[in-house]
Structures are given as structure tokens and as C-alpha cells.
Amino acid sequence: MNAKILWIYGFSLGCIWSVVNFFLILSLLRAAMLKKNMATVWMLVLVKFPVLYLVGFLILRSGYFPVFSLLVGGFLALIITGVVSYVRSSDGKSGTA
């Protein structure tokens, strides 16, 4: 397959993996802080840690996608998520006092 196509697929896969990871972290924190039933918390823990990280390991270990494309996709998704949450928390106010 073309190297550019594999880079694009790796970038997209890194973004998707990062967003799913972030969603599971938020869901786990909400379930733990709101003291939902422990079955929900354990289900999220069992999905996030062994399953998600095993999938990530297998993706990296396969060598099919360039590692740099996976990293760039993952970090870009985190940066965008951080900027969006910062903008939402500032509620349109400027950072000056």
C-alpha cells in the first residue's frame, strides 16, 4: 500500500484511539465520582486498561502504520480536546483580570 495512505490511516487511527481513551477516562471519573454502582466502574476499568491498551499495543507491534503518524494523531486529538475544554471553561472571557 502507498506510504502516504498508511500515514493517513495511522494518523486517523491515532486520533480515534486517543478520543476513545479520553472518553473512557471521563466516563470512569464520572462513574467513580458520582458513586454509581461498582459494576459500571469495573466494566469501564476492564474495557479501558486491558482491552484498549492491548489494541494499542497490537497496532504498534504490527508495524503496519508509521509510529510517528500514530503519535501525531494521538497528540493532536489531545491538543484539540484541551483547547476545546479551555474555551468552554473560560466561557468567552479573556484570560486577563
PDB file of N, CA and C in Angstrom:
ATOM      1  N   MET A   1       0.848  -1.182   0.000  1.00  0.00           N
ATOM      2  CA  MET A   1       0.000   0.000   0.000  1.00  0.00           C
ATOM      3  C   MET A   1       0.894   1.247   0.000  1.00  0.00           C
ATOM      4  N   ASN A   2       0.377   2.317  -0.513  1.00  0.00           N
ATOM      5  CA  ASN A   2       1.101   3.569  -0.604  1.00  0.00           C
ATOM      6  C   ASN A   2       1.458   4.088   0.796  1.00  0.00           C
ATOM      7  N   ALA A   3       2.683   4.620   0.951  1.00  0.00           N
ATOM      8  CA  ALA A   3       3.151   5.095   2.245  1.00  0.00           C
ATOM      9  C   ALA A   3       2.318   6.283   2.748  1.00  0.00           C
ATOM     10  N   LYS A   4       1.869   7.135   1.836  1.00  0.00           N
ATOM     11  CA  LYS A   4       1.053   8.286   2.244  1.00  0.00           C
ATOM     12  C   LYS A   4      -0.303   7.834   2.784  1.00  0.00           C
ATOM     13  N   ILE A   5      -0.872   6.831   2.139  1.00  0.00           N
ATOM     14  CA  ILE A   5      -2.159   6.308   2.597  1.00  0.00           C
ATOM     15  C   ILE A   5      -2.007   5.677   3.977  1.00  0.00           C
ATOM     16  N   LEU A   6      -0.927   4.917   4.188  1.00  0.00           N
ATOM     17  CA  LEU A   6      -0.689   4.310   5.504  1.00  0.00           C
ATOM     18  C   LEU A   6      -0.476   5.379   6.567  1.00  0.00           C
ATOM     19  N   TRP A   7       0.188   6.494   6.192  1.00  0.00           N
ATOM     20  CA  TRP A   7       0.399   7.580   7.149  1.00  0.00           C
ATOM     21  C   TRP A   7      -0.947   8.208   7.533  1.00  0.00           C
ATOM     22  N   ILE A   8      -1.810   8.404   6.556  1.00  0.00           N
ATOM     23  CA  ILE A   8      -3.134   8.979   6.824  1.00  0.00           C
ATOM     24  C   ILE A   8      -3.962   8.031   7.686  1.00  0.00           C
ATOM     25  N   TYR A   9      -3.916   6.750   7.374  1.00  0.00           N
ATOM     26  CA  TYR A   9      -4.639   5.767   8.198  1.00  0.00           C
ATOM     27  C   TYR A   9      -4.081   5.728   9.619  1.00  0.00           C
ATOM     28  N   GLY A  10      -2.766   5.785   9.754  1.00  0.00           N
ATOM     29  CA  GLY A  10      -2.150   5.796  11.077  1.00  0.00           C
ATOM     30  C   GLY A  10      -2.525   7.038  11.864  1.00  0.00           C
ATOM     31  N   PHE A  11      -2.526   8.178  11.195  1.00  0.00           N
ATOM     32  CA  PHE A  11      -2.922   9.438  11.835  1.00  0.00           C
ATOM     33  C   PHE A  11      -4.368   9.341  12.323  1.00  0.00           C
ATOM     34  N   SER A  12      -5.247   8.847  11.465  1.00  0.00           N
ATOM     35  CA  SER A  12      -6.662   8.715  11.828  1.00  0.00           C
ATOM     36  C   SER A  12      -6.849   7.729  12.969  1.00  0.00           C
ATOM     37  N   LEU A  13      -6.144   6.629  12.916  1.00  0.00           N
ATOM     38  CA  LEU A  13      -6.235   5.623  13.962  1.00  0.00           C
ATOM     39  C   LEU A  13      -5.717   6.163  15.289  1.00  0.00           C
ATOM     40  N   GLY A  14      -4.648   6.953  15.248  1.00  0.00           N
ATOM     41  CA  GLY A  14      -4.136   7.585  16.466  1.00  0.00           C
ATOM     42  C   GLY A  14      -5.150   8.549  17.060  1.00  0.00           C
ATOM     43  N   CYS A  15      -5.824   9.318  16.219  1.00  0.00           N
ATOM     44  CA  CYS A  15      -6.874  10.241  16.694  1.00  0.00           C
ATOM     45  C   CYS A  15      -8.021   9.465  17.327  1.00  0.00           C
ATOM     46  N   ILE A  16      -8.465   8.425  16.658  1.00  0.00           N
ATOM     47  CA  ILE A  16      -9.589   7.636  17.170  1.00  0.00           C
ATOM     48  C   ILE A  16      -9.230   6.982  18.492  1.00  0.00           C
ATOM     49  N   TRP A  17      -8.048   6.401  18.567  1.00  0.00           N
ATOM     50  CA  TRP A  17      -7.616   5.739  19.806  1.00  0.00           C
ATOM     51  C   TRP A  17      -7.550   6.744  20.952  1.00  0.00           C
ATOM     52  N   SER A  18      -7.017   7.928  20.686  1.00  0.00           N
ATOM     53  CA  SER A  18      -6.896   8.954  21.719  1.00  0.00           C
ATOM     54  C   SER A  18      -8.261   9.447  22.192  1.00  0.00           C
ATOM     55  N   VAL A  19      -9.195   9.634  21.276  1.00  0.00           N
ATOM     56  CA  VAL A  19     -10.540  10.090  21.646  1.00  0.00           C
ATOM     57  C   VAL A  19     -11.268   9.018  22.454  1.00  0.00           C
ATOM     58  N   VAL A  20     -11.146   7.763  22.052  1.00  0.00           N
ATOM     59  CA  VAL A  20     -11.774   6.679  22.815  1.00  0.00           C
ATOM     60  C   VAL A  20     -11.157   6.593  24.205  1.00  0.00           C
ATOM     61  N   ASN A  21      -9.842   6.736  24.298  1.00  0.00           N
ATOM     62  CA  ASN A  21      -9.172   6.718  25.592  1.00  0.00           C
ATOM     63  C   ASN A  21      -9.669   7.858  26.481  1.00  0.00           C
ATOM     64  N   PHE A  22      -9.766   9.053  25.911  1.00  0.00           N
ATOM     65  CA  PHE A  22     -10.237  10.213  26.676  1.00  0.00           C
ATOM     66  C   PHE A  22     -11.685  10.014  27.131  1.00  0.00           C
ATOM     67  N   PHE A  23     -12.525   9.482  26.243  1.00  0.00           N
ATOM     68  CA  PHE A  23     -13.919   9.223  26.601  1.00  0.00           C
ATOM     69  C   PHE A  23     -14.006   8.218  27.753  1.00  0.00           C
ATOM     70  N   LEU A  24     -13.199   7.177  27.709  1.00  0.00           N
ATOM     71  CA  LEU A  24     -13.229   6.179  28.781  1.00  0.00           C
ATOM     72  C   LEU A  24     -12.704   6.749  30.096  1.00  0.00           C
ATOM     73  N   ILE A  25     -11.704   7.620  30.037  1.00  0.00           N
ATOM     74  CA  ILE A  25     -11.211   8.270  31.253  1.00  0.00           C
ATOM     75  C   ILE A  25     -12.314   9.126  31.867  1.00  0.00           C
ATOM     76  N   LEU A  26     -12.972   9.944  31.037  1.00  0.00           N
ATOM     77  CA  LEU A  26     -14.053  10.787  31.565  1.00  0.00           C
ATOM     78  C   LEU A  26     -15.202   9.949  32.120  1.00  0.00           C
ATOM     79  N   SER A  27     -15.565   8.891  31.432  1.00  0.00           N
ATOM     80  CA  SER A  27     -16.647   8.027  31.904  1.00  0.00           C
ATOM     81  C   SER A  27     -16.270   7.359  33.217  1.00  0.00           C
ATOM     82  N   LEU A  28     -15.037   6.929  33.323  1.00  0.00           N
ATOM     83  CA  LEU A  28     -14.572   6.297  34.551  1.00  0.00           C
ATOM     84  C   LEU A  28     -14.567   7.283  35.716  1.00  0.00           C
ATOM     85  N   LEU A  29     -14.101   8.490  35.472  1.00  0.00           N
ATOM     86  CA  LEU A  29     -14.101   9.507  36.528  1.00  0.00           C
ATOM     87  C   LEU A  29     -15.519   9.879  36.953  1.00  0.00           C
ATOM     88  N   ARG A  30     -16.410  10.042  35.979  1.00  0.00           N
ATOM     89  CA  ARG A  30     -17.800  10.366  36.323  1.00  0.00           C
ATOM     90  C   ARG A  30     -18.440   9.251  37.139  1.00  0.00           C
ATOM     91  N   ALA A  31     -18.231   8.016  36.723  1.00  0.00           N
ATOM     92  CA  ALA A  31     -18.833   6.881  37.432  1.00  0.00           C
ATOM     93  C   ALA A  31     -18.275   6.760  38.837  1.00  0.00           C
ATOM     94  N   ALA A  32     -16.979   7.015  38.995  1.00  0.00           N
ATOM     95  CA  ALA A  32     -16.369   6.900  40.322  1.00  0.00           C
ATOM     96  C   ALA A  32     -16.766   8.073  41.217  1.00  0.00           C
ATOM     97  N   MET A  33     -16.800   9.281  40.665  1.00  0.00           N
ATOM     98  CA  MET A  33     -17.107  10.453  41.486  1.00  0.00           C
ATOM     99  C   MET A  33     -18.583  10.541  41.828  1.00  0.00           C
ATOM    100  N   LEU A  34     -19.447  10.098  40.930  1.00  0.00           N
ATOM    101  CA  LEU A  34     -20.877  10.132  41.206  1.00  0.00           C
ATOM    102  C   LEU A  34     -21.332   8.895  41.977  1.00  0.00           C
ATOM    103  N   LYS A  35     -20.369   8.044  42.303  1.00  0.00           N
ATOM    104  CA  LYS A  35     -20.623   6.842  43.095  1.00  0.00           C
ATOM    105  C   LYS A  35     -21.722   5.986  42.485  1.00  0.00           C
ATOM    106  N   LYS A  36     -21.585   5.777  41.172  1.00  0.00           N
ATOM    107  CA  LYS A  36     -22.505   4.860  40.503  1.00  0.00           C
ATOM    108  C   LYS A  36     -22.175   3.449  40.959  1.00  0.00           C
ATOM    109  N   ASN A  37     -22.985   2.513  40.558  1.00  0.00           N
ATOM    110  CA  ASN A  37     -22.742   1.152  41.031  1.00  0.00           C
ATOM    111  C   ASN A  37     -21.365   0.667  40.573  1.00  0.00           C
ATOM    112  N   MET A  38     -20.787  -0.185  41.374  1.00  0.00           N
ATOM    113  CA  MET A  38     -19.427  -0.648  41.127  1.00  0.00           C
ATOM    114  C   MET A  38     -19.319  -1.484  39.854  1.00  0.00           C
ATOM    115  N   ALA A  39     -20.413  -2.074  39.414  1.00  0.00           N
ATOM    116  CA  ALA A  39     -20.370  -2.858  38.178  1.00  0.00           C
ATOM    117  C   ALA A  39     -20.020  -1.958  36.993  1.00  0.00           C
ATOM    118  N   THR A  40     -20.552  -0.738  36.978  1.00  0.00           N
ATOM    119  CA  THR A  40     -20.246   0.209  35.906  1.00  0.00           C
ATOM    120  C   THR A  40     -18.780   0.607  35.951  1.00  0.00           C
ATOM    121  N   VAL A  41     -18.286   0.890  37.147  1.00  0.00           N
ATOM    122  CA  VAL A  41     -16.883   1.284  37.296  1.00  0.00           C
ATOM    123  C   VAL A  41     -15.967   0.151  36.838  1.00  0.00           C
ATOM    124  N   TRP A  42     -16.241  -1.067  37.277  1.00  0.00           N
ATOM    125  CA  TRP A  42     -15.405  -2.203  36.901  1.00  0.00           C
ATOM    126  C   TRP A  42     -15.482  -2.496  35.408  1.00  0.00           C
ATOM    127  N   MET A  43     -16.657  -2.322  34.819  1.00  0.00           N
ATOM    128  CA  MET A  43     -16.780  -2.543  33.380  1.00  0.00           C
ATOM    129  C   MET A  43     -15.899  -1.551  32.618  1.00  0.00           C
ATOM    130  N   LEU A  44     -15.925  -0.287  33.037  1.00  0.00           N
ATOM    131  CA  LEU A  44     -15.097   0.723  32.381  1.00  0.00           C
ATOM    132  C   LEU A  44     -13.610   0.435  32.584  1.00  0.00           C
ATOM    133  N   VAL A  45     -13.234   0.003  33.776  1.00  0.00           N
ATOM    134  CA  VAL A  45     -11.833  -0.329  34.048  1.00  0.00           C
ATOM    135  C   VAL A  45     -11.393  -1.501  33.179  1.00  0.00           C
ATOM    136  N   LEU A  46     -12.243  -2.513  33.076  1.00  0.00           N
ATOM    137  CA  LEU A  46     -11.880  -3.694  32.295  1.00  0.00           C
ATOM    138  C   LEU A  46     -11.855  -3.430  30.798  1.00  0.00           C
ATOM    139  N   VAL A  47     -12.636  -2.459  30.337  1.00  0.00           N
ATOM    140  CA  VAL A  47     -12.595  -2.105  28.918  1.00  0.00           C
ATOM    141  C   VAL A  47     -11.381  -1.230  28.635  1.00  0.00           C
ATOM    142  N   LYS A  48     -11.142  -0.249  29.499  1.00  0.00           N
ATOM    143  CA  LYS A  48     -10.084   0.723  29.245  1.00  0.00           C
ATOM    144  C   LYS A  48      -8.694   0.100  29.323  1.00  0.00           C
ATOM    145  N   PHE A  49      -8.380  -0.506  30.430  1.00  0.00           N
ATOM    146  CA  PHE A  49      -6.990  -0.910  30.618  1.00  0.00           C
ATOM    147  C   PHE A  49      -6.596  -2.146  29.814  1.00  0.00           C
ATOM    148  N   PRO A  50      -7.201  -3.293  30.002  1.00  0.00           N
ATOM    149  CA  PRO A  50      -6.682  -4.411  29.204  1.00  0.00           C
ATOM    150  C   PRO A  50      -7.057  -4.330  27.724  1.00  0.00           C
ATOM    151  N   VAL A  51      -8.286  -3.984  27.414  1.00  0.00           N
ATOM    152  CA  VAL A  51      -8.732  -4.058  26.017  1.00  0.00           C
ATOM    153  C   VAL A  51      -8.148  -2.916  25.187  1.00  0.00           C
ATOM    154  N   LEU A  52      -8.339  -1.683  25.621  1.00  0.00           N
ATOM    155  CA  LEU A  52      -7.880  -0.541  24.833  1.00  0.00           C
ATOM    156  C   LEU A  52      -6.362  -0.534  24.691  1.00  0.00           C
ATOM    157  N   TYR A  53      -5.655  -0.798  25.781  1.00  0.00           N
ATOM    158  CA  TYR A  53      -4.199  -0.780  25.704  1.00  0.00           C
ATOM    159  C   TYR A  53      -3.645  -1.988  24.961  1.00  0.00           C
ATOM    160  N   LEU A  54      -4.330  -3.118  25.005  1.00  0.00           N
ATOM    161  CA  LEU A  54      -3.911  -4.261  24.203  1.00  0.00           C
ATOM    162  C   LEU A  54      -4.074  -3.959  22.716  1.00  0.00           C
ATOM    163  N   VAL A  55      -5.174  -3.313  22.364  1.00  0.00           N
ATOM    164  CA  VAL A  55      -5.378  -2.916  20.964  1.00  0.00           C
ATOM    165  C   VAL A  55      -4.284  -1.939  20.533  1.00  0.00           C
ATOM    166  N   GLY A  56      -3.976  -0.964  21.382  1.00  0.00           N
ATOM    167  CA  GLY A  56      -2.909  -0.014  21.069  1.00  0.00           C
ATOM    168  C   GLY A  56      -1.565  -0.704  20.906  1.00  0.00           C
ATOM    169  N   PHE A  57      -1.269  -1.657  21.788  1.00  0.00           N
ATOM    170  CA  PHE A  57      -0.022  -2.406  21.691  1.00  0.00           C
ATOM    171  C   PHE A  57       0.046  -3.200  20.383  1.00  0.00           C
ATOM    172  N   LEU A  58      -1.062  -3.852  20.035  1.00  0.00           N
ATOM    173  CA  LEU A  58      -1.078  -4.647  18.809  1.00  0.00           C
ATOM    174  C   LEU A  58      -0.931  -3.773  17.564  1.00  0.00           C
ATOM    175  N   ILE A  59      -1.522  -2.581  17.605  1.00  0.00           N
ATOM    176  CA  ILE A  59      -1.373  -1.657  16.478  1.00  0.00           C
ATOM    177  C   ILE A  59       0.095  -1.251  16.324  1.00  0.00           C
ATOM    178  N   LEU A  60       0.727  -0.910  17.444  1.00  0.00           N
ATOM    179  CA  LEU A  60       2.137  -0.523  17.378  1.00  0.00           C
ATOM    180  C   LEU A  60       3.031  -1.689  16.993  1.00  0.00           C
ATOM    181  N   ARG A  61       2.752  -2.847  17.549  1.00  0.00           N
ATOM    182  CA  ARG A  61       3.577  -4.037  17.309  1.00  0.00           C
ATOM    183  C   ARG A  61       3.456  -4.543  15.870  1.00  0.00           C
ATOM    184  N   SER A  62       2.325  -4.284  15.230  1.00  0.00           N
ATOM    185  CA  SER A  62       2.128  -4.784  13.868  1.00  0.00           C
ATOM    186  C   SER A  62       3.122  -4.163  12.892  1.00  0.00           C
ATOM    187  N   GLY A  63       3.511  -2.929  13.136  1.00  0.00           N
ATOM    188  CA  GLY A  63       4.430  -2.253  12.233  1.00  0.00           C
ATOM    189  C   GLY A  63       3.795  -1.845  10.920  1.00  0.00           C
ATOM    190  N   TYR A  64       2.501  -1.975  10.831  1.00  0.00           N
ATOM    191  CA  TYR A  64       1.798  -1.666   9.595  1.00  0.00           C
ATOM    192  C   TYR A  64       1.710  -0.158   9.357  1.00  0.00           C
ATOM    193  N   PHE A  65       1.509   0.589  10.432  1.00  0.00           N
ATOM    194  CA  PHE A  65       1.381   2.043  10.337  1.00  0.00           C
ATOM    195  C   PHE A  65       2.656   2.692  10.861  1.00  0.00           C
ATOM    196  N   PRO A  66       3.054   3.813  10.286  1.00  0.00           N
ATOM    197  CA  PRO A  66       4.209   4.529  10.824  1.00  0.00           C
ATOM    198  C   PRO A  66       3.913   5.004  12.252  1.00  0.00           C
ATOM    199  N   VAL A  67       4.848   4.747  13.155  1.00  0.00           N
ATOM    200  CA  VAL A  67       4.647   5.093  14.564  1.00  0.00           C
ATOM    201  C   VAL A  67       4.450   6.599  14.719  1.00  0.00           C
ATOM    202  N   PHE A  68       5.192   7.389  13.962  1.00  0.00           N
ATOM    203  CA  PHE A  68       5.074   8.837  14.067  1.00  0.00           C
ATOM    204  C   PHE A  68       3.666   9.310  13.705  1.00  0.00           C
ATOM    205  N   SER A  69       3.035   8.674  12.733  1.00  0.00           N
ATOM    206  CA  SER A  69       1.681   9.075  12.352  1.00  0.00           C
ATOM    207  C   SER A  69       0.694   8.768  13.475  1.00  0.00           C
ATOM    208  N   LEU A  70       0.873   7.644  14.153  1.00  0.00           N
ATOM    209  CA  LEU A  70       0.008   7.314  15.294  1.00  0.00           C
ATOM    210  C   LEU A  70       0.190   8.314  16.430  1.00  0.00           C
ATOM    211  N   LEU A  71       1.456   8.673  16.702  1.00  0.00           N
ATOM    212  CA  LEU A  71       1.732   9.630  17.776  1.00  0.00           C
ATOM    213  C   LEU A  71       1.188  11.021  17.455  1.00  0.00           C
ATOM    214  N   VAL A  72       1.397  11.478  16.231  1.00  0.00           N
ATOM    215  CA  VAL A  72       0.895  12.800  15.840  1.00  0.00           C
ATOM    216  C   VAL A  72      -0.627  12.833  15.924  1.00  0.00           C
ATOM    217  N   GLY A  73      -1.281  11.794  15.453  1.00  0.00           N
ATOM    218  CA  GLY A  73      -2.743  11.733  15.537  1.00  0.00           C
ATOM    219  C   GLY A  73      -3.236  11.739  16.971  1.00  0.00           C
ATOM    220  N   GLY A  74      -2.580  10.978  17.830  1.00  0.00           N
ATOM    221  CA  GLY A  74      -2.986  10.937  19.235  1.00  0.00           C
ATOM    222  C   GLY A  74      -2.766  12.254  19.947  1.00  0.00           C
ATOM    223  N   PHE A  75      -1.601  12.872  19.726  1.00  0.00           N
ATOM    224  CA  PHE A  75      -1.325  14.141  20.394  1.00  0.00           C
ATOM    225  C   PHE A  75      -2.187  15.272  19.856  1.00  0.00           C
ATOM    226  N   LEU A  76      -2.460  15.254  18.568  1.00  0.00           N
ATOM    227  CA  LEU A  76      -3.307  16.298  18.005  1.00  0.00           C
ATOM    228  C   LEU A  76      -4.721  16.228  18.594  1.00  0.00           C
ATOM    229  N   ALA A  77      -5.220  15.022  18.766  1.00  0.00           N
ATOM    230  CA  ALA A  77      -6.546  14.869  19.370  1.00  0.00           C
ATOM    231  C   ALA A  77      -6.541  15.389  20.806  1.00  0.00           C
ATOM    232  N   LEU A  78      -5.469  15.137  21.553  1.00  0.00           N
ATOM    233  CA  LEU A  78      -5.378  15.650  22.928  1.00  0.00           C
ATOM    234  C   LEU A  78      -5.295  17.173  22.954  1.00  0.00           C
ATOM    235  N   ILE A  79      -4.529  17.749  22.042  1.00  0.00           N
ATOM    236  CA  ILE A  79      -4.402  19.205  21.996  1.00  0.00           C
ATOM    237  C   ILE A  79      -5.748  19.844  21.660  1.00  0.00           C
ATOM    238  N   ILE A  80      -6.445  19.309  20.684  1.00  0.00           N
ATOM    239  CA  ILE A  80      -7.756  19.853  20.313  1.00  0.00           C
ATOM    240  C   ILE A  80      -8.736  19.719  21.473  1.00  0.00           C
ATOM    241  N   THR A  81      -8.723  18.576  22.144  1.00  0.00           N
ATOM    242  CA  THR A  81      -9.604  18.383  23.297  1.00  0.00           C
ATOM    243  C   THR A  81      -9.280  19.383  24.401  1.00  0.00           C
ATOM    244  N   GLY A  82      -8.006  19.614  24.639  1.00  0.00           N
ATOM    245  CA  GLY A  82      -7.607  20.587  25.660  1.00  0.00           C
ATOM    246  C   GLY A  82      -8.027  22.003  25.313  1.00  0.00           C
ATOM    247  N   VAL A  83      -7.864  22.389  24.069  1.00  0.00           N
ATOM    248  CA  VAL A  83      -8.258  23.742  23.645  1.00  0.00           C
ATOM    249  C   VAL A  83      -9.768  23.911  23.752  1.00  0.00           C
ATOM    250  N   VAL A  84     -10.514  22.910  23.317  1.00  0.00           N
ATOM    251  CA  VAL A  84     -11.973  22.993  23.391  1.00  0.00           C
ATOM    252  C   VAL A  84     -12.437  23.083  24.838  1.00  0.00           C
ATOM    253  N   SER A  85     -11.852  22.284  25.724  1.00  0.00           N
ATOM    254  CA  SER A  85     -12.267  22.346  27.127  1.00  0.00           C
ATOM    255  C   SER A  85     -11.854  23.668  27.765  1.00  0.00           C
ATOM    256  N   TYR A  86     -10.704  24.234  27.351  1.00  0.00           N
ATOM    257  CA  TYR A  86     -10.296  25.532  27.876  1.00  0.00           C
ATOM    258  C   TYR A  86     -11.251  26.628  27.425  1.00  0.00           C
ATOM    259  N   VAL A  87     -11.634  26.594  26.170  1.00  0.00           N
ATOM    260  CA  VAL A  87     -12.562  27.606  25.653  1.00  0.00           C
ATOM    261  C   VAL A  87     -13.913  27.490  26.347  1.00  0.00           C
ATOM    262  N   ARG A  88     -14.374  26.261  26.563  1.00  0.00           N
ATOM    263  CA  ARG A  88     -15.649  26.076  27.255  1.00  0.00           C
ATOM    264  C   ARG A  88     -15.575  26.542  28.700  1.00  0.00           C
ATOM    265  N   SER A  89     -14.441  26.303  29.376  1.00  0.00           N
ATOM    266  CA  SER A  89     -14.330  26.692  30.781  1.00  0.00           C
ATOM    267  C   SER A  89     -14.187  28.207  30.932  1.00  0.00           C
ATOM    268  N   SER A  90     -13.556  28.859  29.947  1.00  0.00           N
ATOM    269  CA  SER A  90     -13.410  30.313  30.048  1.00  0.00           C
ATOM    270  C   SER A  90     -14.710  31.023  29.709  1.00  0.00           C
ATOM    271  N   ASP A  91     -15.616  30.325  29.043  1.00  0.00           N
ATOM    272  CA  ASP A  91     -16.947  30.850  28.739  1.00  0.00           C
ATOM    273  C   ASP A  91     -16.903  32.181  28.014  1.00  0.00           C
ATOM    274  N   GLY A  92     -15.932  32.308  27.109  1.00  0.00           N
ATOM    275  CA  GLY A  92     -15.848  33.523  26.315  1.00  0.00           C
ATOM    276  C   GLY A  92     -15.150  34.672  27.006  1.00  0.00           C
ATOM    277  N   LYS A  93     -14.662  34.461  28.222  1.00  0.00           N
ATOM    278  CA  LYS A  93     -13.954  35.532  28.942  1.00  0.00           C
ATOM    279  C   LYS A  93     -12.488  35.525  28.527  1.00  0.00           C
ATOM    280  N   SER A  94     -11.869  36.706  28.531  1.00  0.00           N
ATOM    281  CA  SER A  94     -10.447  36.760  28.217  1.00  0.00           C
ATOM    282  C   SER A  94      -9.657  36.325  29.441  1.00  0.00           C
ATOM    283  N   GLY A  95      -8.408  35.960  29.236  1.00  0.00           N
ATOM    284  CA  GLY A  95      -7.577  35.448  30.328  1.00  0.00           C
ATOM    285  C   GLY A  95      -7.034  36.549  31.238  1.00  0.00           C
ATOM    286  N   THR A  96      -7.287  37.829  30.931  1.00  0.00           N
ATOM    287  CA  THR A  96      -6.765  38.907  31.757  1.00  0.00           C
ATOM    288  C   THR A  96      -7.741  39.243  32.877  1.00  0.00           C
ATOM    289  N   ALA A  97      -7.182  39.776  33.947  1.00  0.00           N
ATOM    290  CA  ALA A  97      -8.019  40.120  35.112  1.00  0.00           C
ATOM    291  C   ALA A  97      -8.598  41.505  35.005  1.00  0.00           C
TER     292      ALA A  97
END
